[in-house]
Amino acid sequence: MRQVVLLVVLVAIVGLAYLTLAAVANGGFDILTVLSLLVLALFAFGIVGALIHPPQE
């Protein structure tokens, strides 16, 4: 089950990154783009890291 959740989260992160980069291509790079990329990085490191390394019992 952990692999399924990891796959869904990775697809969501990649999709949001694609939309962010498409917005940069259309509207240019600004502070909201930086904020969006920081949030995506937090998601990627936090969620993916937690799913790859489960808590030890």
C-alpha atoms as a PDB file:
ATOM      1  CA  MET A   1       0.000   0.000   0.000  1.00  0.00           C
ATOM      2  CA  ARG A   2       2.913   2.327   0.734  1.00  0.00           C
ATOM      3  CA  GLN A   3       4.112   2.094  -2.879  1.00  0.00           C
ATOM      4  CA  VAL A   4       0.662   3.024  -4.217  1.00  0.00           C
ATOM      5  CA  VAL A   5       0.481   6.118  -2.008  1.00  0.00           C
ATOM      6  CA  LEU A   6       4.048   7.046  -2.980  1.00  0.00           C
ATOM      7  CA  LEU A   7       3.165   6.758  -6.671  1.00  0.00           C
ATOM      8  CA  VAL A   8       0.040   8.914  -6.261  1.00  0.00           C
ATOM      9  CA  VAL A   9       1.992  11.565  -4.344  1.00  0.00           C
ATOM     10  CA  LEU A  10       4.777  11.610  -6.926  1.00  0.00           C
ATOM     11  CA  VAL A  11       2.264  12.022  -9.751  1.00  0.00           C
ATOM     12  CA  ALA A  12       0.615  14.910  -7.888  1.00  0.00           C
ATOM     13  CA  ILE A  13       3.958  16.634  -7.209  1.00  0.00           C
ATOM     14  CA  VAL A  14       5.095  16.240 -10.816  1.00  0.00           C
ATOM     15  CA  GLY A  15       1.727  17.532 -12.045  1.00  0.00           C
ATOM     16  CA  LEU A  16       1.906  20.604  -9.828  1.00  0.00           C
ATOM     17  CA  ALA A  17       5.503  21.218 -10.898  1.00  0.00           C
ATOM     18  CA  TYR A  18       4.424  21.041 -14.541  1.00  0.00           C
ATOM     19  CA  LEU A  19       1.632  23.557 -13.923  1.00  0.00           C
ATOM     20  CA  THR A  20       4.065  25.858 -12.117  1.00  0.00           C
ATOM     21  CA  LEU A  21       6.552  25.726 -14.968  1.00  0.00           C
ATOM     22  CA  ALA A  22       3.745  26.316 -17.489  1.00  0.00           C
ATOM     23  CA  ALA A  23       2.739  29.417 -15.516  1.00  0.00           C
ATOM     24  CA  VAL A  24       6.354  30.618 -15.640  1.00  0.00           C
ATOM     25  CA  ALA A  25       6.390  30.114 -19.419  1.00  0.00           C
ATOM     26  CA  ASN A  26       3.163  32.098 -19.845  1.00  0.00           C
ATOM     27  CA  GLY A  27       3.478  34.825 -17.231  1.00  0.00           C
ATOM     28  CA  GLY A  28       7.112  35.042 -16.257  1.00  0.00           C
ATOM     29  CA  PHE A  29       9.030  34.315 -13.073  1.00  0.00           C
ATOM     30  CA  ASP A  30       7.858  36.146  -9.938  1.00  0.00           C
ATOM     31  CA  ILE A  31       7.724  35.778  -6.152  1.00  0.00           C
ATOM     32  CA  LEU A  32       4.635  33.554  -6.260  1.00  0.00           C
ATOM     33  CA  THR A  33       6.507  31.137  -8.506  1.00  0.00           C
ATOM     34  CA  VAL A  34       9.316  30.968  -5.970  1.00  0.00           C
ATOM     35  CA  LEU A  35       6.770  30.328  -3.213  1.00  0.00           C
ATOM     36  CA  SER A  36       5.107  27.605  -5.267  1.00  0.00           C
ATOM     37  CA  LEU A  37       8.437  25.884  -5.914  1.00  0.00           C
ATOM     38  CA  LEU A  38       9.304  26.046  -2.198  1.00  0.00           C
ATOM     39  CA  VAL A  39       5.977  24.446  -1.264  1.00  0.00           C
ATOM     40  CA  LEU A  40       6.521  21.705  -3.843  1.00  0.00           C
ATOM     41  CA  ALA A  41      10.007  21.077  -2.460  1.00  0.00           C
ATOM     42  CA  LEU A  42       8.586  20.783   1.066  1.00  0.00           C
ATOM     43  CA  PHE A  43       5.980  18.319  -0.169  1.00  0.00           C
ATOM     44  CA  ALA A  44       8.566  16.310  -2.049  1.00  0.00           C
ATOM     45  CA  PHE A  45      11.070  16.084   0.799  1.00  0.00           C
ATOM     46  CA  GLY A  46       8.524  15.625   3.573  1.00  0.00           C
ATOM     47  CA  ILE A  47       5.964  13.265   2.098  1.00  0.00           C
ATOM     48  CA  VAL A  48       8.300  11.219  -0.069  1.00  0.00           C
ATOM     49  CA  GLY A  49      10.865  10.976   2.720  1.00  0.00           C
ATOM     50  CA  ALA A  50       8.235   9.814   5.197  1.00  0.00           C
ATOM     51  CA  LEU A  51       6.921   7.184   2.796  1.00  0.00           C
ATOM     52  CA  ILE A  52      10.359   5.856   1.857  1.00  0.00           C
ATOM     53  CA  HIS A  53      11.596   5.703   5.467  1.00  0.00           C
ATOM     54  CA  PRO A  54       8.768   4.394   7.685  1.00  0.00           C
ATOM     55  CA  PRO A  55       8.916   5.047  11.432  1.00  0.00           C
ATOM     56  CA  GLN A  56      10.838   2.496  13.448  1.00  0.00           C
ATOM     57  CA  GLU A  57       8.968   0.588  16.109  1.00  0.00           C
END
